[in-house]
Amino acid sequence: MRKLTYYIACSSDGFIGDPNGDATSMFAFLDEEFLGYLASTWPDTIAAQGREHLGLKGAENLHFDTVIQGRGSYQLALDAGTASPYGHLREYVASRSLGPSPDPNVTVIDGDLVARIRELKAEDSELGIWLCGGSQIAGELLDEIDELVIKTYPQVYGSGMPMFGGAGFAVTDFALQEVRTFGNGVLVRTYARKR
């Protein structure tokens, strides 16, 4: 069974973006040390434009062969003129309003998201599935998430888009596996779901 990993950036108080989903304030922390870590450890999570800039075009995927994102996250790429931001992965967009896929590499999931994720997890592959965002689909898929990789930036938003939007109250336990710290104050915490 493949893992579904929620690999996400968030503020110190648990928001993945401002009330409109904008997280560009976190870009200020992409210094040489942290970018080097992302490029060497998580190259499969860097979008096509960033991969080219960092010399990662054609780099091997280390963790994932599939990415799932919500309409809001995907819309950022569309607005930037990119219909396949993660062309090195199989791309899925969970959306009931997008309509037909604008790119042959992108599959739109407009039906039962949980059932589709279970099908993807049951596939035979050594690589996992990356839940890229957004908040609402993370809330909908909470019971399916096997691992959390949280890049925590030293900022407080006060309010905004939570990591798990729309999820009702329920305690879900994860075990801390690793913590990486960086000179710019960023923490990367990895948790495995307790079953």
N, C-alpha and C. Protein backbone atom coordinates (compact mmCIF):
# COMPACT_ATOMS: atom_id res chain seq x y z
N MET A 1 0.86 -1.19 0.00
CA MET A 1 0.00 0.00 0.00
C MET A 1 0.89 1.24 0.00
N ARG A 2 0.63 2.12 -0.93
CA ARG A 2 1.42 3.35 -1.04
C ARG A 2 0.99 4.35 0.02
N LYS A 3 1.93 5.25 0.38
CA LYS A 3 1.64 6.28 1.37
C LYS A 3 1.10 7.53 0.70
N LEU A 4 0.17 8.18 1.40
CA LEU A 4 -0.27 9.52 1.05
C LEU A 4 0.41 10.46 2.03
N THR A 5 1.25 11.34 1.51
CA THR A 5 2.01 12.28 2.33
C THR A 5 1.51 13.69 2.11
N TYR A 6 1.13 14.34 3.19
CA TYR A 6 0.76 15.75 3.13
C TYR A 6 2.03 16.53 3.39
N TYR A 7 2.66 17.00 2.32
CA TYR A 7 3.90 17.76 2.37
C TYR A 7 3.52 19.20 2.11
N ILE A 8 3.63 20.05 3.13
CA ILE A 8 3.02 21.37 3.07
C ILE A 8 3.88 22.40 3.81
N ALA A 9 3.77 23.63 3.40
CA ALA A 9 4.40 24.75 4.10
C ALA A 9 3.34 25.45 4.95
N CYS A 10 3.74 25.88 6.14
CA CYS A 10 2.77 26.59 6.99
C CYS A 10 3.48 27.58 7.90
N SER A 11 2.70 28.50 8.41
CA SER A 11 3.20 29.46 9.39
C SER A 11 3.36 28.74 10.73
N SER A 12 4.01 29.39 11.67
CA SER A 12 4.21 28.79 12.99
C SER A 12 2.90 28.54 13.71
N ASP A 13 1.84 29.27 13.34
CA ASP A 13 0.54 29.03 13.97
C ASP A 13 -0.39 28.19 13.11
N GLY A 14 0.16 27.44 12.15
CA GLY A 14 -0.59 26.41 11.46
C GLY A 14 -1.41 26.81 10.25
N PHE A 15 -1.10 27.96 9.63
CA PHE A 15 -1.84 28.38 8.44
C PHE A 15 -0.99 28.19 7.19
N ILE A 16 -1.60 27.65 6.13
CA ILE A 16 -0.87 27.42 4.88
C ILE A 16 -0.98 28.60 3.93
N GLY A 17 -1.70 29.60 4.34
CA GLY A 17 -1.83 30.82 3.55
C GLY A 17 -2.68 31.82 4.31
N ASP A 18 -2.72 33.04 3.78
CA ASP A 18 -3.58 34.06 4.38
C ASP A 18 -5.05 33.71 4.10
N PRO A 19 -6.02 34.52 4.49
CA PRO A 19 -7.42 34.16 4.25
C PRO A 19 -7.76 33.88 2.78
N ASN A 20 -6.96 34.41 1.85
CA ASN A 20 -7.17 34.14 0.42
C ASN A 20 -6.27 33.03 -0.11
N GLY A 21 -5.47 32.42 0.78
CA GLY A 21 -4.60 31.33 0.37
C GLY A 21 -3.21 31.76 -0.07
N ASP A 22 -2.90 33.04 0.01
CA ASP A 22 -1.59 33.56 -0.41
C ASP A 22 -0.54 33.24 0.65
N ALA A 23 0.53 32.58 0.24
CA ALA A 23 1.61 32.24 1.17
C ALA A 23 2.95 32.79 0.67
N THR A 24 2.91 33.80 -0.18
CA THR A 24 4.15 34.31 -0.76
C THR A 24 5.09 34.92 0.27
N SER A 25 4.59 35.30 1.45
CA SER A 25 5.48 35.84 2.48
C SER A 25 6.52 34.80 2.91
N MET A 26 6.21 33.51 2.72
CA MET A 26 7.13 32.45 3.10
C MET A 26 8.32 32.35 2.15
N PHE A 27 8.20 32.90 0.94
CA PHE A 27 9.28 32.83 -0.04
C PHE A 27 10.56 33.50 0.46
N ALA A 28 10.43 34.43 1.39
CA ALA A 28 11.60 35.14 1.91
C ALA A 28 12.58 34.19 2.60
N PHE A 29 12.13 32.99 2.96
CA PHE A 29 12.98 32.03 3.67
C PHE A 29 13.66 31.03 2.74
N LEU A 30 13.50 31.21 1.45
CA LEU A 30 14.13 30.30 0.48
C LEU A 30 15.57 30.73 0.21
N ASP A 31 16.40 30.62 1.25
CA ASP A 31 17.80 30.97 1.11
C ASP A 31 18.60 29.78 0.57
N GLU A 32 19.90 29.96 0.40
CA GLU A 32 20.74 28.94 -0.22
C GLU A 32 20.70 27.61 0.55
N GLU A 33 20.81 27.69 1.87
CA GLU A 33 20.82 26.45 2.68
C GLU A 33 19.50 25.69 2.53
N PHE A 34 18.38 26.39 2.66
CA PHE A 34 17.09 25.73 2.62
C PHE A 34 16.76 25.24 1.21
N LEU A 35 17.06 26.05 0.19
CA LEU A 35 16.83 25.61 -1.20
C LEU A 35 17.68 24.38 -1.53
N GLY A 36 18.90 24.35 -1.02
CA GLY A 36 19.76 23.19 -1.24
C GLY A 36 19.16 21.93 -0.66
N TYR A 37 18.60 22.07 0.54
CA TYR A 37 17.93 20.93 1.18
C TYR A 37 16.73 20.47 0.35
N LEU A 38 15.88 21.42 -0.07
CA LEU A 38 14.70 21.05 -0.86
C LEU A 38 15.09 20.38 -2.17
N ALA A 39 16.10 20.92 -2.84
CA ALA A 39 16.54 20.38 -4.13
C ALA A 39 17.13 18.98 -3.99
N SER A 40 17.87 18.72 -2.91
CA SER A 40 18.51 17.42 -2.75
C SER A 40 17.62 16.38 -2.10
N THR A 41 16.71 16.81 -1.25
CA THR A 41 15.90 15.86 -0.48
C THR A 41 14.49 15.70 -1.04
N TRP A 42 13.91 16.76 -1.57
CA TRP A 42 12.53 16.73 -2.05
C TRP A 42 12.42 17.29 -3.48
N PRO A 43 13.28 16.84 -4.42
CA PRO A 43 13.24 17.44 -5.77
C PRO A 43 11.92 17.22 -6.50
N ASP A 44 11.23 16.14 -6.16
CA ASP A 44 9.96 15.83 -6.83
C ASP A 44 8.85 16.80 -6.47
N THR A 45 9.05 17.61 -5.42
CA THR A 45 8.01 18.56 -5.01
C THR A 45 8.25 19.97 -5.56
N ILE A 46 9.26 20.11 -6.36
CA ILE A 46 9.56 21.42 -6.96
C ILE A 46 8.92 21.48 -8.34
N ALA A 47 8.16 22.54 -8.56
CA ALA A 47 7.44 22.71 -9.83
C ALA A 47 8.42 22.89 -10.99
N ALA A 48 7.91 22.67 -12.20
CA ALA A 48 8.73 22.67 -13.41
C ALA A 48 9.62 23.91 -13.53
N GLN A 49 9.07 25.07 -13.33
CA GLN A 49 9.84 26.30 -13.47
C GLN A 49 10.99 26.34 -12.46
N GLY A 50 10.73 25.95 -11.22
CA GLY A 50 11.76 25.91 -10.20
C GLY A 50 12.80 24.84 -10.48
N ARG A 51 12.38 23.70 -11.00
CA ARG A 51 13.30 22.62 -11.33
C ARG A 51 14.30 23.08 -12.38
N GLU A 52 13.80 23.79 -13.37
CA GLU A 52 14.69 24.29 -14.42
C GLU A 52 15.69 25.29 -13.84
N HIS A 53 15.21 26.20 -13.03
CA HIS A 53 16.06 27.23 -12.41
C HIS A 53 17.14 26.61 -11.52
N LEU A 54 16.79 25.53 -10.81
CA LEU A 54 17.73 24.89 -9.88
C LEU A 54 18.56 23.78 -10.54
N GLY A 55 18.41 23.60 -11.85
CA GLY A 55 19.17 22.57 -12.55
C GLY A 55 18.69 21.17 -12.25
N LEU A 56 17.41 21.02 -11.96
CA LEU A 56 16.84 19.72 -11.60
C LEU A 56 16.03 19.08 -12.73
N LYS A 57 16.03 19.71 -13.89
CA LYS A 57 15.27 19.16 -15.01
C LYS A 57 15.78 17.74 -15.28
N GLY A 58 14.88 16.77 -15.24
CA GLY A 58 15.25 15.38 -15.44
C GLY A 58 15.72 14.68 -14.17
N ALA A 59 15.72 15.38 -13.02
CA ALA A 59 16.14 14.75 -11.76
C ALA A 59 15.18 13.62 -11.39
N GLU A 60 15.73 12.59 -10.78
CA GLU A 60 14.95 11.42 -10.37
C GLU A 60 14.00 11.79 -9.23
N ASN A 61 12.79 11.25 -9.30
CA ASN A 61 11.83 11.42 -8.20
C ASN A 61 12.24 10.49 -7.05
N LEU A 62 12.38 11.06 -5.87
CA LEU A 62 12.84 10.29 -4.72
C LEU A 62 11.71 9.75 -3.86
N HIS A 63 10.59 10.48 -3.81
CA HIS A 63 9.51 10.11 -2.90
C HIS A 63 8.19 9.81 -3.59
N PHE A 64 7.88 10.55 -4.64
CA PHE A 64 6.53 10.53 -5.22
C PHE A 64 6.55 10.33 -6.73
N ASP A 65 5.48 9.69 -7.22
CA ASP A 65 5.24 9.65 -8.66
C ASP A 65 3.89 10.26 -9.01
N THR A 66 3.16 10.70 -7.98
CA THR A 66 1.81 11.22 -8.15
C THR A 66 1.61 12.42 -7.23
N VAL A 67 0.90 13.44 -7.72
CA VAL A 67 0.58 14.61 -6.90
C VAL A 67 -0.92 14.87 -6.98
N ILE A 68 -1.50 15.22 -5.84
CA ILE A 68 -2.91 15.58 -5.73
C ILE A 68 -2.96 17.02 -5.23
N GLN A 69 -3.76 17.84 -5.89
CA GLN A 69 -3.95 19.20 -5.39
C GLN A 69 -5.38 19.64 -5.62
N GLY A 70 -5.76 20.64 -4.88
CA GLY A 70 -7.10 21.20 -5.02
C GLY A 70 -7.15 22.24 -6.11
N ARG A 71 -8.35 22.69 -6.41
CA ARG A 71 -8.54 23.68 -7.47
C ARG A 71 -7.82 24.99 -7.17
N GLY A 72 -7.86 25.45 -5.93
CA GLY A 72 -7.20 26.70 -5.58
C GLY A 72 -5.71 26.65 -5.82
N SER A 73 -5.07 25.57 -5.39
CA SER A 73 -3.63 25.40 -5.61
C SER A 73 -3.32 25.33 -7.10
N TYR A 74 -4.12 24.57 -7.81
CA TYR A 74 -3.91 24.40 -9.25
C TYR A 74 -4.15 25.70 -10.01
N GLN A 75 -5.10 26.49 -9.53
CA GLN A 75 -5.43 27.75 -10.21
C GLN A 75 -4.22 28.69 -10.22
N LEU A 76 -3.38 28.63 -9.19
CA LEU A 76 -2.17 29.45 -9.17
C LEU A 76 -1.29 29.15 -10.38
N ALA A 77 -1.16 27.87 -10.71
CA ALA A 77 -0.37 27.48 -11.88
C ALA A 77 -1.04 27.94 -13.16
N LEU A 78 -2.36 27.73 -13.26
CA LEU A 78 -3.08 28.18 -14.45
C LEU A 78 -2.93 29.68 -14.66
N ASP A 79 -3.03 30.43 -13.57
CA ASP A 79 -2.90 31.89 -13.66
C ASP A 79 -1.50 32.30 -14.13
N ALA A 80 -0.52 31.45 -13.85
CA ALA A 80 0.85 31.73 -14.29
C ALA A 80 1.13 31.18 -15.68
N GLY A 81 0.09 30.63 -16.33
CA GLY A 81 0.24 30.12 -17.69
C GLY A 81 0.76 28.70 -17.78
N THR A 82 0.68 27.95 -16.69
CA THR A 82 1.17 26.57 -16.66
C THR A 82 0.02 25.62 -16.36
N ALA A 83 -0.29 24.73 -17.30
CA ALA A 83 -1.38 23.78 -17.10
C ALA A 83 -0.90 22.47 -16.48
N SER A 84 0.42 22.26 -16.47
CA SER A 84 0.99 21.05 -15.88
C SER A 84 2.22 21.43 -15.05
N PRO A 85 1.98 21.96 -13.84
CA PRO A 85 3.12 22.46 -13.04
C PRO A 85 4.06 21.36 -12.55
N TYR A 86 3.58 20.14 -12.46
CA TYR A 86 4.41 19.03 -11.99
C TYR A 86 4.42 17.93 -13.04
N GLY A 87 4.86 18.28 -14.23
CA GLY A 87 4.85 17.35 -15.36
C GLY A 87 5.70 16.11 -15.16
N HIS A 88 6.60 16.13 -14.20
CA HIS A 88 7.43 14.97 -13.89
C HIS A 88 6.68 13.97 -13.01
N LEU A 89 5.45 14.30 -12.60
CA LEU A 89 4.60 13.43 -11.79
C LEU A 89 3.27 13.23 -12.52
N ARG A 90 2.51 12.21 -12.11
CA ARG A 90 1.12 12.13 -12.55
C ARG A 90 0.35 13.14 -11.73
N GLU A 91 -0.37 14.02 -12.38
CA GLU A 91 -1.05 15.12 -11.69
C GLU A 91 -2.55 14.88 -11.64
N TYR A 92 -3.10 15.06 -10.43
CA TYR A 92 -4.53 14.99 -10.21
C TYR A 92 -4.98 16.29 -9.55
N VAL A 93 -6.11 16.80 -10.01
CA VAL A 93 -6.69 18.00 -9.42
C VAL A 93 -8.10 17.64 -8.95
N ALA A 94 -8.36 17.83 -7.67
CA ALA A 94 -9.68 17.58 -7.11
C ALA A 94 -10.52 18.84 -7.30
N SER A 95 -11.51 18.76 -8.17
CA SER A 95 -12.33 19.93 -8.46
C SER A 95 -13.65 19.51 -9.08
N ARG A 96 -14.73 20.10 -8.59
CA ARG A 96 -16.05 19.88 -9.19
C ARG A 96 -16.41 21.01 -10.15
N SER A 97 -15.53 22.05 -10.22
CA SER A 97 -15.86 23.21 -11.06
C SER A 97 -14.89 23.43 -12.21
N LEU A 98 -13.77 22.73 -12.26
CA LEU A 98 -12.77 22.98 -13.29
C LEU A 98 -13.24 22.57 -14.68
N GLY A 99 -13.99 21.49 -14.76
CA GLY A 99 -14.40 20.98 -16.06
C GLY A 99 -13.33 20.07 -16.63
N PRO A 100 -13.28 19.93 -17.96
CA PRO A 100 -12.29 19.04 -18.57
C PRO A 100 -10.86 19.49 -18.28
N SER A 101 -9.96 18.53 -18.22
CA SER A 101 -8.57 18.83 -17.95
C SER A 101 -7.98 19.70 -19.06
N PRO A 102 -7.23 20.74 -18.67
CA PRO A 102 -6.59 21.59 -19.67
C PRO A 102 -5.25 21.04 -20.18
N ASP A 103 -4.84 19.86 -19.67
CA ASP A 103 -3.55 19.28 -20.06
C ASP A 103 -3.65 17.76 -20.01
N PRO A 104 -3.05 17.06 -20.97
CA PRO A 104 -3.13 15.59 -20.97
C PRO A 104 -2.48 14.93 -19.75
N ASN A 105 -1.57 15.61 -19.06
CA ASN A 105 -0.92 15.04 -17.88
C ASN A 105 -1.74 15.25 -16.61
N VAL A 106 -2.81 16.03 -16.69
CA VAL A 106 -3.61 16.37 -15.51
C VAL A 106 -4.96 15.65 -15.59
N THR A 107 -5.27 14.90 -14.55
CA THR A 107 -6.57 14.23 -14.45
C THR A 107 -7.40 14.97 -13.40
N VAL A 108 -8.61 15.33 -13.78
CA VAL A 108 -9.51 16.01 -12.86
C VAL A 108 -10.35 14.97 -12.13
N ILE A 109 -10.35 15.05 -10.80
CA ILE A 109 -11.20 14.18 -9.98
C ILE A 109 -12.40 15.03 -9.57
N ASP A 110 -13.54 14.73 -10.16
CA ASP A 110 -14.74 15.53 -9.85
C ASP A 110 -15.79 14.71 -9.11
N GLY A 111 -15.42 13.47 -8.73
CA GLY A 111 -16.35 12.61 -8.02
C GLY A 111 -15.85 12.31 -6.61
N ASP A 112 -15.92 11.06 -6.22
CA ASP A 112 -15.56 10.62 -4.88
C ASP A 112 -14.05 10.65 -4.69
N LEU A 113 -13.55 11.69 -4.05
CA LEU A 113 -12.11 11.88 -3.87
C LEU A 113 -11.50 10.79 -3.01
N VAL A 114 -12.14 10.44 -1.91
CA VAL A 114 -11.59 9.42 -1.01
C VAL A 114 -11.46 8.08 -1.74
N ALA A 115 -12.47 7.69 -2.50
CA ALA A 115 -12.41 6.43 -3.25
C ALA A 115 -11.26 6.46 -4.26
N ARG A 116 -11.07 7.58 -4.93
CA ARG A 116 -9.99 7.68 -5.93
C ARG A 116 -8.62 7.61 -5.25
N ILE A 117 -8.48 8.24 -4.11
CA ILE A 117 -7.21 8.18 -3.37
C ILE A 117 -6.93 6.74 -2.93
N ARG A 118 -7.94 6.04 -2.48
CA ARG A 118 -7.75 4.64 -2.07
C ARG A 118 -7.30 3.79 -3.26
N GLU A 119 -7.85 4.06 -4.45
CA GLU A 119 -7.41 3.34 -5.65
C GLU A 119 -5.94 3.64 -5.95
N LEU A 120 -5.55 4.90 -5.86
CA LEU A 120 -4.16 5.28 -6.12
C LEU A 120 -3.22 4.66 -5.09
N LYS A 121 -3.65 4.62 -3.83
CA LYS A 121 -2.81 4.03 -2.79
C LYS A 121 -2.63 2.52 -3.00
N ALA A 122 -3.60 1.89 -3.61
CA ALA A 122 -3.55 0.44 -3.82
C ALA A 122 -2.68 0.05 -5.03
N GLU A 123 -2.25 1.01 -5.82
CA GLU A 123 -1.41 0.72 -6.97
C GLU A 123 -0.06 0.17 -6.52
N ASP A 124 0.56 -0.59 -7.41
CA ASP A 124 1.86 -1.18 -7.13
C ASP A 124 2.96 -0.21 -7.58
N SER A 125 3.55 0.46 -6.62
CA SER A 125 4.63 1.39 -6.91
C SER A 125 5.46 1.58 -5.64
N GLU A 126 6.74 1.77 -5.82
CA GLU A 126 7.61 2.03 -4.67
C GLU A 126 7.55 3.50 -4.25
N LEU A 127 7.00 4.36 -5.10
CA LEU A 127 6.89 5.79 -4.80
C LEU A 127 5.49 6.11 -4.31
N GLY A 128 5.40 7.15 -3.50
CA GLY A 128 4.15 7.50 -2.87
C GLY A 128 3.38 8.58 -3.60
N ILE A 129 2.38 9.11 -2.90
CA ILE A 129 1.47 10.13 -3.42
C ILE A 129 1.65 11.37 -2.56
N TRP A 130 1.81 12.49 -3.22
CA TRP A 130 2.00 13.77 -2.53
C TRP A 130 0.70 14.56 -2.56
N LEU A 131 0.20 14.85 -1.38
CA LEU A 131 -0.91 15.78 -1.25
C LEU A 131 -0.28 17.16 -1.12
N CYS A 132 -0.42 17.95 -2.17
CA CYS A 132 0.25 19.24 -2.30
C CYS A 132 -0.56 20.36 -1.63
N GLY A 133 -1.82 20.24 -1.59
CA GLY A 133 -2.73 21.26 -1.06
C GLY A 133 -4.02 21.13 -1.82
N GLY A 134 -4.99 21.70 -1.41
CA GLY A 134 -5.17 22.69 -0.42
C GLY A 134 -5.87 22.22 0.84
N SER A 135 -6.25 23.21 1.54
CA SER A 135 -6.80 23.06 2.87
C SER A 135 -8.05 22.16 2.91
N GLN A 136 -8.98 22.42 2.01
CA GLN A 136 -10.26 21.68 2.02
C GLN A 136 -10.06 20.21 1.68
N ILE A 137 -9.24 19.92 0.67
CA ILE A 137 -9.06 18.50 0.35
C ILE A 137 -8.23 17.79 1.41
N ALA A 138 -7.33 18.51 2.08
CA ALA A 138 -6.59 17.90 3.20
C ALA A 138 -7.57 17.53 4.31
N GLY A 139 -8.54 18.39 4.59
CA GLY A 139 -9.55 18.07 5.58
C GLY A 139 -10.38 16.87 5.18
N GLU A 140 -10.72 16.80 3.90
CA GLU A 140 -11.52 15.67 3.40
C GLU A 140 -10.72 14.37 3.42
N LEU A 141 -9.41 14.46 3.25
CA LEU A 141 -8.56 13.26 3.16
C LEU A 141 -7.82 12.93 4.46
N LEU A 142 -8.13 13.61 5.54
CA LEU A 142 -7.40 13.41 6.79
C LEU A 142 -7.27 11.95 7.17
N ASP A 143 -8.33 11.17 7.04
CA ASP A 143 -8.28 9.75 7.43
C ASP A 143 -7.39 8.92 6.51
N GLU A 144 -7.05 9.45 5.33
CA GLU A 144 -6.22 8.72 4.37
C GLU A 144 -4.75 9.10 4.45
N ILE A 145 -4.41 10.17 5.17
CA ILE A 145 -3.04 10.66 5.22
C ILE A 145 -2.20 9.77 6.12
N ASP A 146 -1.08 9.28 5.57
CA ASP A 146 -0.19 8.38 6.30
C ASP A 146 1.01 9.09 6.89
N GLU A 147 1.37 10.25 6.31
CA GLU A 147 2.58 10.94 6.73
C GLU A 147 2.36 12.45 6.57
N LEU A 148 2.93 13.20 7.51
CA LEU A 148 2.94 14.66 7.43
C LEU A 148 4.39 15.11 7.31
N VAL A 149 4.67 15.96 6.36
CA VAL A 149 5.96 16.64 6.27
C VAL A 149 5.62 18.12 6.25
N ILE A 150 5.91 18.78 7.36
CA ILE A 150 5.47 20.17 7.55
C ILE A 150 6.68 21.09 7.59
N LYS A 151 6.76 21.94 6.57
CA LYS A 151 7.80 22.97 6.54
C LYS A 151 7.22 24.17 7.29
N THR A 152 7.71 24.41 8.49
CA THR A 152 7.16 25.46 9.35
C THR A 152 8.05 26.69 9.29
N TYR A 153 7.45 27.81 8.86
CA TYR A 153 8.18 29.06 8.71
C TYR A 153 7.98 29.93 9.94
N PRO A 154 9.01 30.68 10.36
CA PRO A 154 8.91 31.48 11.58
C PRO A 154 8.11 32.76 11.36
N GLN A 155 6.84 32.57 11.06
CA GLN A 155 5.90 33.67 10.87
C GLN A 155 4.61 33.30 11.59
N VAL A 156 3.92 34.29 12.08
CA VAL A 156 2.59 34.10 12.67
C VAL A 156 1.60 34.85 11.79
N TYR A 157 0.58 34.15 11.33
CA TYR A 157 -0.44 34.76 10.48
C TYR A 157 -1.62 35.29 11.28
N GLY A 158 -1.92 34.64 12.38
CA GLY A 158 -3.06 35.09 13.19
C GLY A 158 -4.37 34.51 12.70
N SER A 159 -4.56 34.48 11.41
CA SER A 159 -5.73 33.83 10.81
C SER A 159 -5.37 33.52 9.37
N GLY A 160 -6.19 32.74 8.73
CA GLY A 160 -5.92 32.39 7.35
C GLY A 160 -6.47 31.04 7.00
N MET A 161 -5.81 30.38 6.06
CA MET A 161 -6.23 29.07 5.58
C MET A 161 -5.56 28.00 6.44
N PRO A 162 -6.34 27.23 7.21
CA PRO A 162 -5.75 26.23 8.09
C PRO A 162 -5.21 25.03 7.31
N MET A 163 -4.35 24.26 7.92
CA MET A 163 -3.81 23.07 7.26
C MET A 163 -4.92 22.09 6.88
N PHE A 164 -5.94 21.98 7.71
CA PHE A 164 -7.03 21.04 7.48
C PHE A 164 -8.36 21.79 7.53
N GLY A 165 -8.76 22.36 6.43
CA GLY A 165 -10.01 23.10 6.37
C GLY A 165 -11.21 22.18 6.30
N GLY A 166 -12.27 22.56 6.96
CA GLY A 166 -13.52 21.82 6.88
C GLY A 166 -13.55 20.51 7.65
N ALA A 167 -12.45 20.13 8.28
CA ALA A 167 -12.44 18.88 9.05
C ALA A 167 -13.10 19.14 10.39
N GLY A 168 -13.97 18.25 10.79
CA GLY A 168 -14.59 18.37 12.11
C GLY A 168 -13.58 18.01 13.18
N PHE A 169 -13.92 18.30 14.42
CA PHE A 169 -13.01 18.00 15.51
C PHE A 169 -12.88 16.50 15.70
N ALA A 170 -11.67 16.02 15.65
CA ALA A 170 -11.34 14.62 15.94
C ALA A 170 -9.84 14.57 16.19
N VAL A 171 -9.43 13.91 17.23
CA VAL A 171 -8.01 13.79 17.52
C VAL A 171 -7.43 12.68 16.65
N THR A 172 -6.39 13.01 15.92
CA THR A 172 -5.69 12.05 15.06
C THR A 172 -4.23 12.10 15.46
N ASP A 173 -3.69 10.98 15.91
CA ASP A 173 -2.33 10.95 16.43
C ASP A 173 -1.31 10.59 15.35
N PHE A 174 -0.20 11.33 15.38
CA PHE A 174 0.94 11.07 14.52
C PHE A 174 2.17 11.01 15.42
N ALA A 175 3.17 10.22 15.03
CA ALA A 175 4.41 10.09 15.79
C ALA A 175 5.51 10.86 15.08
N LEU A 176 6.24 11.66 15.84
CA LEU A 176 7.35 12.43 15.28
C LEU A 176 8.46 11.48 14.84
N GLN A 177 8.90 11.65 13.58
CA GLN A 177 9.97 10.83 13.03
C GLN A 177 11.30 11.59 12.91
N GLU A 178 11.20 12.87 12.56
CA GLU A 178 12.42 13.65 12.32
C GLU A 178 12.12 15.13 12.39
N VAL A 179 13.11 15.91 12.82
CA VAL A 179 13.03 17.37 12.79
C VAL A 179 14.34 17.88 12.21
N ARG A 180 14.23 18.70 11.19
CA ARG A 180 15.39 19.39 10.62
C ARG A 180 15.24 20.87 10.91
N THR A 181 16.32 21.50 11.33
CA THR A 181 16.29 22.94 11.59
C THR A 181 17.27 23.62 10.64
N PHE A 182 16.96 24.87 10.32
CA PHE A 182 17.77 25.64 9.38
C PHE A 182 18.11 26.99 10.00
N GLY A 183 19.20 27.57 9.54
CA GLY A 183 19.68 28.83 10.09
C GLY A 183 18.70 29.98 9.92
N ASN A 184 17.79 29.88 8.97
CA ASN A 184 16.80 30.94 8.75
C ASN A 184 15.58 30.80 9.66
N GLY A 185 15.58 29.79 10.54
CA GLY A 185 14.47 29.60 11.47
C GLY A 185 13.41 28.62 11.01
N VAL A 186 13.53 28.09 9.79
CA VAL A 186 12.57 27.11 9.28
C VAL A 186 12.81 25.76 9.95
N LEU A 187 11.71 25.08 10.25
CA LEU A 187 11.75 23.70 10.74
C LEU A 187 11.05 22.81 9.72
N VAL A 188 11.57 21.61 9.51
CA VAL A 188 10.86 20.61 8.71
C VAL A 188 10.65 19.42 9.61
N ARG A 189 9.38 19.18 9.91
CA ARG A 189 9.01 18.08 10.81
C ARG A 189 8.33 16.98 10.01
N THR A 190 8.72 15.74 10.28
CA THR A 190 8.12 14.58 9.62
C THR A 190 7.44 13.72 10.67
N TYR A 191 6.19 13.39 10.40
CA TYR A 191 5.37 12.57 11.31
C TYR A 191 4.79 11.38 10.55
N ALA A 192 4.70 10.24 11.22
CA ALA A 192 4.02 9.07 10.68
C ALA A 192 2.73 8.86 11.46
N ARG A 193 1.69 8.51 10.75
CA ARG A 193 0.39 8.28 11.38
C ARG A 193 0.47 7.08 12.31
N LYS A 194 -0.07 7.21 13.49
CA LYS A 194 -0.16 6.08 14.42
C LYS A 194 -1.41 5.29 14.05
N ARG A 195 -1.25 4.02 13.81
CA ARG A 195 -2.39 3.16 13.42
C ARG A 195 -2.72 2.22 14.55
